[in-house]
């Protein structure tokens, strides 16, 4: 059993006394195709597609979050997979970048930290430039978008820029190319007060003029009645809806990145989402059977647990863009390997990680399942995710003062989890009934013998005293 340490009070106090750790983990981002740092292609406008990997619930180890947000995550992974088979991606006029944030259930700390790292131009976001982000497309809750035989989705737009209009037109174009799939995508109601709670809000707080849309399966009212509950499991979503959302997103991204608004349906027909992959990902990320012991996950990593949990966890040790695998959750490590594999090209002249892969611009995938791993050319990075008001110095976490002039700082909460102390518990086993009967008989026998001994002793003493 575990219990929290007493007297922790608030985050500032427990961080100072080192009785807690900040909530956080590692987000993952990847580009398709890999960014060529030696050419001018890195200055291309960026289309950033984002999803969330963490959820919350009353019981932290039961945080599955199937509809919100894992349905969007699976849709993003399926979209990346379908785009990875296309030829000529180097010739696209815009750069495709995919980012999966963790910590979004706790004040959007993953997306906030990602934006801060962009400002700092840290190694974790090397190759990215925040000013080059043209459009943000977020895949939110899409697992329930199935109604009366149609897969229905709503695009919640931020701003009225030309980039946002282009994204909405590309979604409509993608829908038209999927006419036989009964997929419907509509713009969200103009009566809505804004976009729904999402990572896109962090981008808008940073830049109110940012362009973006978030794809959801609801219009004016949130539809997931099991939100942040252990009941938000695989039975709460529909695989067909996730496949449809992935198809929409994949074709929309290709239309936007190509710069050709008049792509024919025949040219888009080569982008097909693997429905079997979607079902496999659902089984891996949303169930204990097979859970993280599924073949797809074990192809990339050696999971430490079987049952998936999408609780964000805590940051252990110094945050790094190249963390030790033991400091990264199973899900984050799987996503890093999966995205690095799907967005990669084999490194020429290097077959495994023992041959100086990283020094030649490569990354090592499948290192946990293969002694030497495989060296591939891929721009895939970990980004530490924790509050922007925290700084790790000299082995301790320091809380930075909030900046009243910075809107991001004033609303950025600092979430921490207390250190867990072990407490003891003594358990007694229930003995067999025959043993209880034996104890009873022994007790009766002892009682009778004691009574007999008393009677005999009393008679002996009485007789002895009379003789005297």
Protein backbone atom coordinates (compact mmCIF):
# COMPACT_ATOMS: atom_id res chain seq x y z
CA UNK A 1 0.00 0.00 0.00
CA UNK A 2 1.05 3.62 -0.50
CA UNK A 3 0.21 6.92 1.11
CA UNK A 4 1.24 10.51 0.51
CA UNK A 5 3.72 12.19 2.83
CA UNK A 6 1.97 14.32 5.43
CA UNK A 7 2.40 18.07 5.60
CA UNK A 8 3.04 18.72 1.91
CA UNK A 9 0.65 21.72 1.83
CA UNK A 10 1.22 23.30 -1.62
CA UNK A 11 3.50 22.79 -4.63
CA UNK A 12 5.93 25.54 -3.71
CA UNK A 13 6.45 24.12 -0.22
CA UNK A 14 6.83 20.48 -1.18
CA UNK A 15 9.21 21.29 -4.06
CA UNK A 16 11.38 23.27 -1.65
CA UNK A 17 11.32 20.42 0.88
CA UNK A 18 11.78 17.87 -1.93
CA UNK A 19 8.74 15.87 -0.84
CA UNK A 20 7.06 15.94 -4.24
CA UNK A 21 7.80 15.98 -7.97
CA UNK A 22 6.19 18.03 -10.75
CA UNK A 23 3.65 16.37 -13.00
CA UNK A 24 4.97 15.87 -16.48
CA UNK A 25 6.50 13.54 -18.98
CA UNK A 26 7.79 13.62 -22.54
CA UNK A 27 5.90 14.84 -25.58
CA UNK A 28 6.98 13.65 -29.02
CA UNK A 29 7.19 15.46 -32.35
CA UNK A 30 8.25 14.29 -35.79
CA UNK A 31 8.41 15.71 -39.32
CA UNK A 32 7.46 14.11 -42.62
CA UNK A 33 9.66 14.03 -44.57
CA UNK A 34 12.70 14.47 -42.26
CA UNK A 35 13.94 18.06 -42.14
CA UNK A 36 17.07 18.57 -44.21
CA UNK A 37 19.18 20.94 -42.12
CA UNK A 38 21.71 21.42 -44.93
CA UNK A 39 19.22 22.94 -47.35
CA UNK A 40 16.76 25.79 -47.49
CA UNK A 41 13.83 23.37 -47.17
CA UNK A 42 13.78 23.92 -43.41
CA UNK A 43 12.38 27.39 -44.07
CA UNK A 44 9.18 25.94 -45.54
CA UNK A 45 5.91 26.95 -43.87
CA UNK A 46 4.89 24.33 -41.31
CA UNK A 47 1.56 22.57 -41.03
CA UNK A 48 1.51 21.34 -37.43
CA UNK A 49 -0.85 18.47 -36.62
CA UNK A 50 -1.30 17.79 -32.91
CA UNK A 51 -3.01 15.29 -30.63
CA UNK A 52 -2.91 14.44 -26.92
CA UNK A 53 -1.63 11.27 -25.27
CA UNK A 54 -2.68 11.72 -21.62
CA UNK A 55 -5.94 11.75 -19.72
CA UNK A 56 -7.07 11.90 -16.11
CA UNK A 57 -9.52 10.09 -13.87
CA UNK A 58 -10.30 9.67 -10.18
CA UNK A 59 -8.06 6.60 -10.12
CA UNK A 60 -4.84 7.56 -11.89
CA UNK A 61 -4.02 4.01 -13.06
CA UNK A 62 -7.43 3.76 -14.75
CA UNK A 63 -6.93 6.79 -17.01
CA UNK A 64 -7.72 5.26 -20.39
CA UNK A 65 -9.41 8.24 -22.04
CA UNK A 66 -10.56 6.27 -25.10
CA UNK A 67 -12.79 8.97 -26.58
CA UNK A 68 -11.02 11.92 -25.01
CA UNK A 69 -8.27 12.09 -26.15
CA UNK A 70 -6.86 8.73 -27.35
CA UNK A 71 -9.25 8.46 -30.31
CA UNK A 72 -7.56 11.57 -31.71
CA UNK A 73 -4.10 10.14 -31.03
CA UNK A 74 -4.89 6.90 -32.86
CA UNK A 75 -6.31 8.91 -35.74
CA UNK A 76 -3.07 10.92 -35.98
CA UNK A 77 -0.91 7.78 -35.96
CA UNK A 78 -3.04 6.18 -38.68
CA UNK A 79 -2.83 9.36 -40.78
CA UNK A 80 0.97 9.42 -40.47
CA UNK A 81 1.11 5.78 -41.50
CA UNK A 82 -1.00 6.38 -44.62
CA UNK A 83 1.09 9.40 -45.68
CA UNK A 84 4.39 7.58 -45.12
CA UNK A 85 3.80 5.37 -48.17
CA UNK A 86 3.56 8.31 -50.59
CA UNK A 87 6.37 9.21 -52.99
CA UNK A 88 7.56 12.74 -53.67
CA UNK A 89 7.03 14.14 -50.19
CA UNK A 90 10.29 16.09 -50.49
CA UNK A 91 8.65 18.14 -53.23
CA UNK A 92 5.79 19.40 -51.05
CA UNK A 93 5.64 23.17 -50.69
CA UNK A 94 4.99 22.95 -46.94
CA UNK A 95 6.55 20.87 -44.17
CA UNK A 96 4.37 18.38 -42.30
CA UNK A 97 5.07 18.19 -38.59
CA UNK A 98 3.24 15.97 -36.11
CA UNK A 99 3.28 16.53 -32.35
CA UNK A 100 1.75 14.46 -29.56
CA UNK A 101 1.55 16.33 -26.26
CA UNK A 102 1.42 14.90 -22.76
CA UNK A 103 0.23 16.78 -19.66
CA UNK A 104 -2.67 18.42 -21.49
CA UNK A 105 -5.12 17.16 -18.87
CA UNK A 106 -3.22 19.29 -16.32
CA UNK A 107 -3.39 22.86 -17.56
CA UNK A 108 -2.07 22.07 -21.07
CA UNK A 109 1.46 21.95 -19.68
CA UNK A 110 2.72 19.91 -22.67
CA UNK A 111 1.74 22.43 -25.35
CA UNK A 112 2.80 25.38 -23.17
CA UNK A 113 6.24 23.86 -22.64
CA UNK A 114 6.51 23.08 -26.38
CA UNK A 115 5.89 26.73 -27.21
CA UNK A 116 8.41 27.88 -24.60
CA UNK A 117 11.03 25.51 -26.01
CA UNK A 118 10.36 27.03 -29.43
CA UNK A 119 11.02 30.49 -27.99
CA UNK A 120 14.23 29.25 -26.36
CA UNK A 121 15.24 27.35 -29.53
CA UNK A 122 16.34 24.42 -27.40
CA UNK A 123 17.74 21.15 -28.70
CA UNK A 124 14.37 19.52 -28.10
CA UNK A 125 12.84 21.51 -30.99
CA UNK A 126 15.94 21.80 -33.17
CA UNK A 127 14.89 22.36 -36.76
CA UNK A 128 11.58 24.02 -35.89
CA UNK A 129 10.83 27.73 -35.96
CA UNK A 130 7.70 28.96 -34.25
CA UNK A 131 7.30 31.80 -36.72
CA UNK A 132 7.14 29.27 -39.57
CA UNK A 133 4.01 27.56 -38.24
CA UNK A 134 1.37 28.34 -40.85
CA UNK A 135 -1.57 26.30 -39.57
CA UNK A 136 -2.30 24.14 -36.52
CA UNK A 137 -4.66 21.22 -37.02
CA UNK A 138 -5.68 19.40 -33.85
CA UNK A 139 -7.40 16.02 -33.80
CA UNK A 140 -9.60 15.94 -30.73
CA UNK A 141 -12.40 13.56 -29.74
CA UNK A 142 -13.34 11.70 -32.92
CA UNK A 143 -14.28 8.22 -31.68
CA UNK A 144 -18.04 8.83 -31.48
CA UNK A 145 -18.50 10.49 -34.87
CA UNK A 146 -20.86 7.83 -36.18
CA UNK A 147 -24.53 8.61 -36.59
CA UNK A 148 -27.23 7.05 -38.79
CA UNK A 149 -24.68 5.36 -41.03
CA UNK A 150 -22.61 8.53 -41.54
CA UNK A 151 -19.29 9.50 -39.98
CA UNK A 152 -19.89 13.08 -38.92
CA UNK A 153 -17.27 15.56 -37.73
CA UNK A 154 -17.14 19.28 -36.98
CA UNK A 155 -14.28 21.68 -37.64
CA UNK A 156 -13.94 24.32 -34.93
CA UNK A 157 -11.93 27.15 -36.45
CA UNK A 158 -9.78 29.78 -34.75
CA UNK A 159 -9.61 33.13 -36.46
CA UNK A 160 -10.73 34.18 -39.89
CA UNK A 161 -7.35 34.19 -41.65
CA UNK A 162 -6.70 32.92 -45.15
CA UNK A 163 -4.76 29.97 -43.69
CA UNK A 164 -7.83 28.92 -41.67
CA UNK A 165 -10.04 29.26 -44.75
CA UNK A 166 -7.58 27.15 -46.74
CA UNK A 167 -7.69 24.45 -44.05
CA UNK A 168 -11.51 24.40 -44.04
CA UNK A 169 -11.58 24.24 -47.86
CA UNK A 170 -9.03 21.41 -47.79
CA UNK A 171 -11.23 19.49 -45.34
CA UNK A 172 -14.18 19.92 -47.68
CA UNK A 173 -12.05 18.78 -50.62
CA UNK A 174 -10.95 15.72 -48.65
CA UNK A 175 -14.57 14.93 -47.80
CA UNK A 176 -15.53 15.10 -51.48
CA UNK A 177 -12.75 12.64 -52.34
CA UNK A 178 -14.19 10.24 -49.73
CA UNK A 179 -17.77 10.48 -50.96
CA UNK A 180 -18.24 6.70 -51.04
CA UNK A 181 -17.27 6.45 -47.35
CA UNK A 182 -20.29 8.45 -46.10
CA UNK A 183 -18.09 10.97 -44.32
CA UNK A 184 -19.49 14.39 -43.48
CA UNK A 185 -17.46 17.29 -42.13
CA UNK A 186 -19.09 20.61 -41.28
CA UNK A 187 -17.95 23.89 -39.83
CA UNK A 188 -18.96 24.25 -36.19
CA UNK A 189 -21.82 26.58 -35.33
CA UNK A 190 -20.99 30.28 -35.41
CA UNK A 191 -22.94 30.65 -32.17
CA UNK A 192 -20.19 28.83 -30.27
CA UNK A 193 -18.21 31.14 -27.94
CA UNK A 194 -14.96 29.89 -29.48
CA UNK A 195 -13.04 26.68 -29.93
CA UNK A 196 -13.55 23.85 -27.40
CA UNK A 197 -10.89 23.27 -24.72
CA UNK A 198 -7.87 21.99 -26.64
CA UNK A 199 -4.12 22.37 -27.14
CA UNK A 200 -4.89 24.94 -29.84
CA UNK A 201 -5.86 27.33 -27.02
CA UNK A 202 -2.22 27.43 -25.89
CA UNK A 203 -1.18 28.54 -29.38
CA UNK A 204 -3.88 31.20 -29.38
CA UNK A 205 -2.81 32.50 -25.97
CA UNK A 206 0.71 32.76 -27.32
CA UNK A 207 -0.43 34.38 -30.57
CA UNK A 208 -4.07 35.51 -30.80
CA UNK A 209 -3.71 35.66 -34.60
CA UNK A 210 -2.66 32.03 -34.95
CA UNK A 211 -4.55 30.01 -37.56
CA UNK A 212 -5.91 26.62 -36.73
CA UNK A 213 -8.80 24.21 -36.50
CA UNK A 214 -9.67 21.40 -34.14
CA UNK A 215 -11.58 18.41 -35.49
CA UNK A 216 -14.20 17.02 -33.10
CA UNK A 217 -17.22 14.73 -33.21
CA UNK A 218 -19.50 17.34 -31.60
CA UNK A 219 -20.76 20.78 -32.54
CA UNK A 220 -22.28 22.92 -29.79
CA UNK A 221 -22.22 20.48 -26.85
CA UNK A 222 -19.56 18.07 -25.62
CA UNK A 223 -20.76 14.51 -26.19
CA UNK A 224 -18.57 12.33 -23.98
CA UNK A 225 -20.52 11.60 -20.80
CA UNK A 226 -17.66 9.45 -19.48
CA UNK A 227 -15.02 12.19 -19.78
CA UNK A 228 -12.16 11.75 -17.28
CA UNK A 229 -13.69 8.52 -16.04
CA UNK A 230 -12.52 4.92 -16.01
CA UNK A 231 -15.66 4.20 -18.06
CA UNK A 232 -14.17 6.06 -21.05
CA UNK A 233 -12.83 2.80 -22.44
CA UNK A 234 -12.81 1.00 -25.77
CA UNK A 235 -16.56 0.36 -25.63
CA UNK A 236 -17.12 4.13 -25.76
CA UNK A 237 -15.67 4.61 -29.25
CA UNK A 238 -16.13 3.34 -32.79
CA UNK A 239 -13.19 2.16 -34.91
CA UNK A 240 -14.94 3.20 -38.14
CA UNK A 241 -15.19 6.80 -36.93
CA UNK A 242 -11.47 6.89 -36.11
CA UNK A 243 -10.58 5.50 -39.54
CA UNK A 244 -12.80 8.13 -41.16
CA UNK A 245 -11.20 10.95 -39.17
CA UNK A 246 -7.71 9.69 -40.07
CA UNK A 247 -8.67 9.57 -43.75
CA UNK A 248 -9.99 13.13 -43.61
CA UNK A 249 -6.89 14.44 -41.85
CA UNK A 250 -4.39 12.61 -44.06
CA UNK A 251 -5.92 13.88 -47.30
CA UNK A 252 -6.41 17.37 -45.88
CA UNK A 253 -2.75 17.56 -44.90
CA UNK A 254 -1.61 16.43 -48.34
CA UNK A 255 -3.83 19.01 -50.05
CA UNK A 256 -2.48 21.80 -47.83
CA UNK A 257 1.16 20.71 -48.08
CA UNK A 258 1.06 20.29 -51.84
CA UNK A 259 -0.19 23.84 -52.36
CA UNK A 260 -2.53 22.54 -55.07
CA UNK A 261 -6.14 23.32 -54.24
CA UNK A 262 -7.41 21.43 -57.28
CA UNK A 263 -6.00 17.97 -56.68
CA UNK A 264 -8.14 15.35 -58.34
CA UNK A 265 -9.84 12.62 -56.34
CA UNK A 266 -7.79 10.07 -58.25
CA UNK A 267 -4.54 11.61 -56.99
CA UNK A 268 -5.87 11.49 -53.42
CA UNK A 269 -7.06 7.90 -53.74
CA UNK A 270 -3.51 6.70 -53.05
CA UNK A 271 -3.92 7.90 -49.44
CA UNK A 272 -5.65 5.06 -47.66
CA UNK A 273 -5.84 4.49 -43.92
CA UNK A 274 -5.13 1.00 -42.64
CA UNK A 275 -8.24 0.01 -40.67
CA UNK A 276 -6.44 -3.02 -39.23
CA UNK A 277 -3.76 -0.73 -37.78
CA UNK A 278 -6.46 1.38 -36.10
CA UNK A 279 -8.01 -1.69 -34.48
CA UNK A 280 -4.60 -2.92 -33.40
CA UNK A 281 -3.73 0.44 -31.83
CA UNK A 282 -7.05 0.40 -29.97
CA UNK A 283 -6.23 -3.00 -28.51
CA UNK A 284 -2.71 -1.90 -27.56
CA UNK A 285 -3.54 1.47 -26.00
CA UNK A 286 -7.03 0.92 -24.55
CA UNK A 287 -7.15 -2.60 -23.18
CA UNK A 288 -5.18 -4.98 -20.96
CA UNK A 289 -5.77 -7.73 -23.50
CA UNK A 290 -3.37 -7.64 -25.24
CA UNK A 291 -2.46 -4.14 -24.00
CA UNK A 292 1.13 -3.01 -24.28
CA UNK A 293 2.22 -6.62 -24.76
CA UNK A 294 0.69 -6.52 -28.26
CA UNK A 295 2.95 -7.33 -31.20
CA UNK A 296 2.91 -3.76 -32.52
CA UNK A 297 4.26 -2.26 -29.28
CA UNK A 298 6.73 -5.10 -28.69
CA UNK A 299 8.06 -4.52 -32.20
CA UNK A 300 9.47 -1.19 -30.95
CA UNK A 301 9.93 -1.34 -27.16
CA UNK A 302 10.02 -3.67 -24.17
CA UNK A 303 7.08 -2.38 -22.11
CA UNK A 304 7.34 -2.30 -18.33
CA UNK A 305 3.62 -2.94 -17.87
CA UNK A 306 0.86 -4.70 -19.75
CA UNK A 307 -2.18 -2.58 -18.92
CA UNK A 308 -1.92 0.88 -20.50
CA UNK A 309 -2.40 3.95 -18.35
CA UNK A 310 -2.46 7.44 -19.82
CA UNK A 311 -1.82 9.28 -16.56
CA UNK A 312 0.89 11.87 -17.22
CA UNK A 313 3.17 10.79 -14.36
CA UNK A 314 6.01 12.86 -12.91
CA UNK A 315 9.31 14.18 -14.21
CA UNK A 316 12.16 12.22 -12.61
CA UNK A 317 15.61 13.78 -12.75
CA UNK A 318 16.78 16.55 -15.05
CA UNK A 319 14.59 17.10 -18.14
CA UNK A 320 16.40 16.33 -21.37
CA UNK A 321 15.75 16.12 -25.11
CA UNK A 322 17.61 12.76 -25.00
CA UNK A 323 16.25 11.19 -21.80
CA UNK A 324 17.20 7.79 -20.46
CA UNK A 325 14.52 5.23 -21.46
CA UNK A 326 13.87 4.51 -17.79
CA UNK A 327 12.65 8.09 -17.33
CA UNK A 328 10.14 7.89 -20.20
CA UNK A 329 6.76 6.18 -20.05
CA UNK A 330 5.94 3.14 -22.16
CA UNK A 331 3.47 5.09 -24.30
CA UNK A 332 5.88 7.96 -25.00
CA UNK A 333 8.67 5.55 -25.96
CA UNK A 334 6.35 3.64 -28.27
CA UNK A 335 5.14 6.83 -29.94
CA UNK A 336 8.71 8.07 -30.43
CA UNK A 337 9.76 4.80 -32.08
CA UNK A 338 6.58 4.50 -34.15
CA UNK A 339 6.78 8.06 -35.50
CA UNK A 340 10.53 7.84 -36.10
CA UNK A 341 9.97 4.66 -38.09
CA UNK A 342 7.04 5.93 -40.15
CA UNK A 343 8.62 9.29 -41.00
CA UNK A 344 12.11 7.93 -41.69
CA UNK A 345 14.38 6.84 -44.46
CA UNK A 346 17.21 4.35 -43.93
CA UNK A 347 20.58 5.95 -43.24
CA UNK A 348 22.93 5.12 -46.11
CA UNK A 349 26.02 3.21 -45.10
CA UNK A 350 24.75 2.67 -41.54
CA UNK A 351 22.76 -0.42 -40.67
CA UNK A 352 22.67 -0.41 -36.88
CA UNK A 353 23.08 1.94 -33.96
CA UNK A 354 26.55 0.74 -33.01
CA UNK A 355 28.02 2.37 -36.09
CA UNK A 356 27.93 6.00 -34.96
CA UNK A 357 24.32 6.65 -35.95
CA UNK A 358 23.60 9.83 -33.98
CA UNK A 359 26.80 11.60 -35.03
CA UNK A 360 25.69 11.30 -38.65
CA UNK A 361 22.22 12.75 -38.16
CA UNK A 362 20.37 9.51 -37.59
CA UNK A 363 18.20 8.20 -34.78
CA UNK A 364 18.17 4.72 -33.31
CA UNK A 365 14.84 2.90 -33.32
CA UNK A 366 13.87 -0.50 -31.89
CA UNK A 367 16.94 -0.41 -29.63
CA UNK A 368 14.98 -2.05 -26.80
CA UNK A 369 13.94 -5.06 -28.86
CA UNK A 370 17.12 -5.46 -30.90
CA UNK A 371 20.61 -5.47 -29.40
CA UNK A 372 21.92 -2.99 -31.96
CA UNK A 373 18.71 -1.29 -33.08
CA UNK A 374 18.24 0.26 -36.51
CA UNK A 375 19.69 3.57 -37.62
CA UNK A 376 17.29 5.68 -39.69
CA UNK A 377 17.15 9.25 -40.92
CA UNK A 378 14.30 10.90 -39.07
CA UNK A 379 13.58 14.23 -37.38
CA UNK A 380 11.87 12.86 -34.28
CA UNK A 381 12.44 14.37 -30.84
CA UNK A 382 11.35 14.16 -27.24
CA UNK A 383 10.19 17.42 -25.65
CA UNK A 384 10.07 17.56 -21.83
CA UNK A 385 6.58 18.46 -20.66
CA UNK A 386 6.25 20.29 -17.35
CA UNK A 387 5.07 23.65 -16.09
CA UNK A 388 6.67 26.70 -17.68
CA UNK A 389 7.01 28.16 -14.18
CA UNK A 390 9.48 25.49 -13.10
CA UNK A 391 13.24 25.36 -13.55
CA UNK A 392 15.57 22.49 -12.66
CA UNK A 393 18.80 23.76 -11.09
CA UNK A 394 21.49 21.97 -9.08
CA UNK A 395 19.37 18.86 -8.65
CA UNK A 396 16.27 20.64 -7.35
CA UNK A 397 13.12 22.18 -8.81
CA UNK A 398 12.68 25.91 -8.35
CA UNK A 399 9.38 27.71 -8.75
CA UNK A 400 9.67 30.84 -10.86
CA UNK A 401 7.54 33.85 -9.94
CA UNK A 402 4.50 34.39 -12.10
CA UNK A 403 4.72 37.27 -14.54
CA UNK A 404 1.62 39.43 -14.32
CA UNK A 405 2.26 40.86 -17.78
CA UNK A 406 2.44 37.40 -19.33
CA UNK A 407 -0.96 35.89 -19.88
CA UNK A 408 0.59 32.44 -20.26
CA UNK A 409 2.30 32.73 -16.89
CA UNK A 410 -0.67 33.94 -14.89
CA UNK A 411 -2.81 31.01 -15.89
CA UNK A 412 -0.12 28.33 -15.86
CA UNK A 413 -0.71 26.16 -12.76
CA UNK A 414 2.05 24.14 -11.12
CA UNK A 415 0.83 20.60 -10.53
CA UNK A 416 2.86 18.25 -8.35
CA UNK A 417 2.50 14.75 -6.95
CA UNK A 418 3.63 13.98 -3.43
CA UNK A 419 6.31 11.37 -2.84
CA UNK A 420 4.78 8.09 -1.83
CA UNK A 421 5.65 6.50 1.51
CA UNK A 422 5.17 2.77 2.07
CA UNK A 423 3.02 1.66 5.01
CA UNK A 424 2.78 -1.84 6.48
CA UNK A 425 -0.18 -4.18 6.56
CA UNK A 426 -0.40 -7.47 8.50
CA UNK A 427 -2.62 -10.12 6.97
CA UNK A 428 -3.89 -13.21 8.81
CA UNK A 429 -4.95 -16.28 6.87
CA UNK A 430 -8.13 -18.18 7.73
CA UNK A 431 -7.29 -21.64 9.15
CA UNK A 432 -9.03 -24.88 8.25
CA UNK A 433 -12.21 -25.71 10.21
CA UNK A 434 -10.75 -29.07 11.38
CA UNK A 435 -8.00 -27.18 13.18
CA UNK A 436 -10.62 -25.05 14.95
CA UNK A 437 -12.46 -28.19 16.09
CA UNK A 438 -9.20 -29.68 17.33
CA UNK A 439 -8.48 -26.52 19.34
CA UNK A 440 -11.99 -26.72 20.83
CA UNK A 441 -11.60 -30.34 21.85
CA UNK A 442 -8.17 -29.64 23.29
CA UNK A 443 -9.64 -26.77 25.28
CA UNK A 444 -12.43 -28.98 26.65
CA UNK A 445 -9.92 -31.70 27.54
CA UNK A 446 -7.68 -29.23 29.35
CA UNK A 447 -10.68 -27.87 31.23
CA UNK A 448 -11.81 -31.34 32.33
CA UNK A 449 -8.31 -32.37 33.38
CA UNK A 450 -7.90 -29.14 35.30
CA UNK A 451 -11.23 -29.72 37.07
CA UNK A 452 -10.25 -33.30 37.88
CA UNK A 453 -6.87 -32.18 39.19
CA UNK A 454 -8.55 -29.60 41.42
CA UNK A 455 -11.00 -32.19 42.82
CA UNK A 456 -8.24 -34.73 43.54
CA UNK A 457 -5.98 -32.13 45.09
CA UNK A 458 -8.80 -30.85 47.27
CA UNK A 459 -9.66 -34.39 48.45
CA UNK A 460 -6.00 -35.15 49.17
CA UNK A 461 -5.56 -31.98 51.20
CA UNK A 462 -8.76 -32.56 53.14
CA UNK A 463 -7.71 -36.11 54.05
CA UNK A 464 -4.21 -35.03 55.05
CA UNK A 465 -5.49 -32.23 57.31
CA UNK A 466 -7.93 -34.58 59.09
CA UNK A 467 -5.14 -37.04 59.92
CA UNK A 468 -3.13 -34.24 61.47
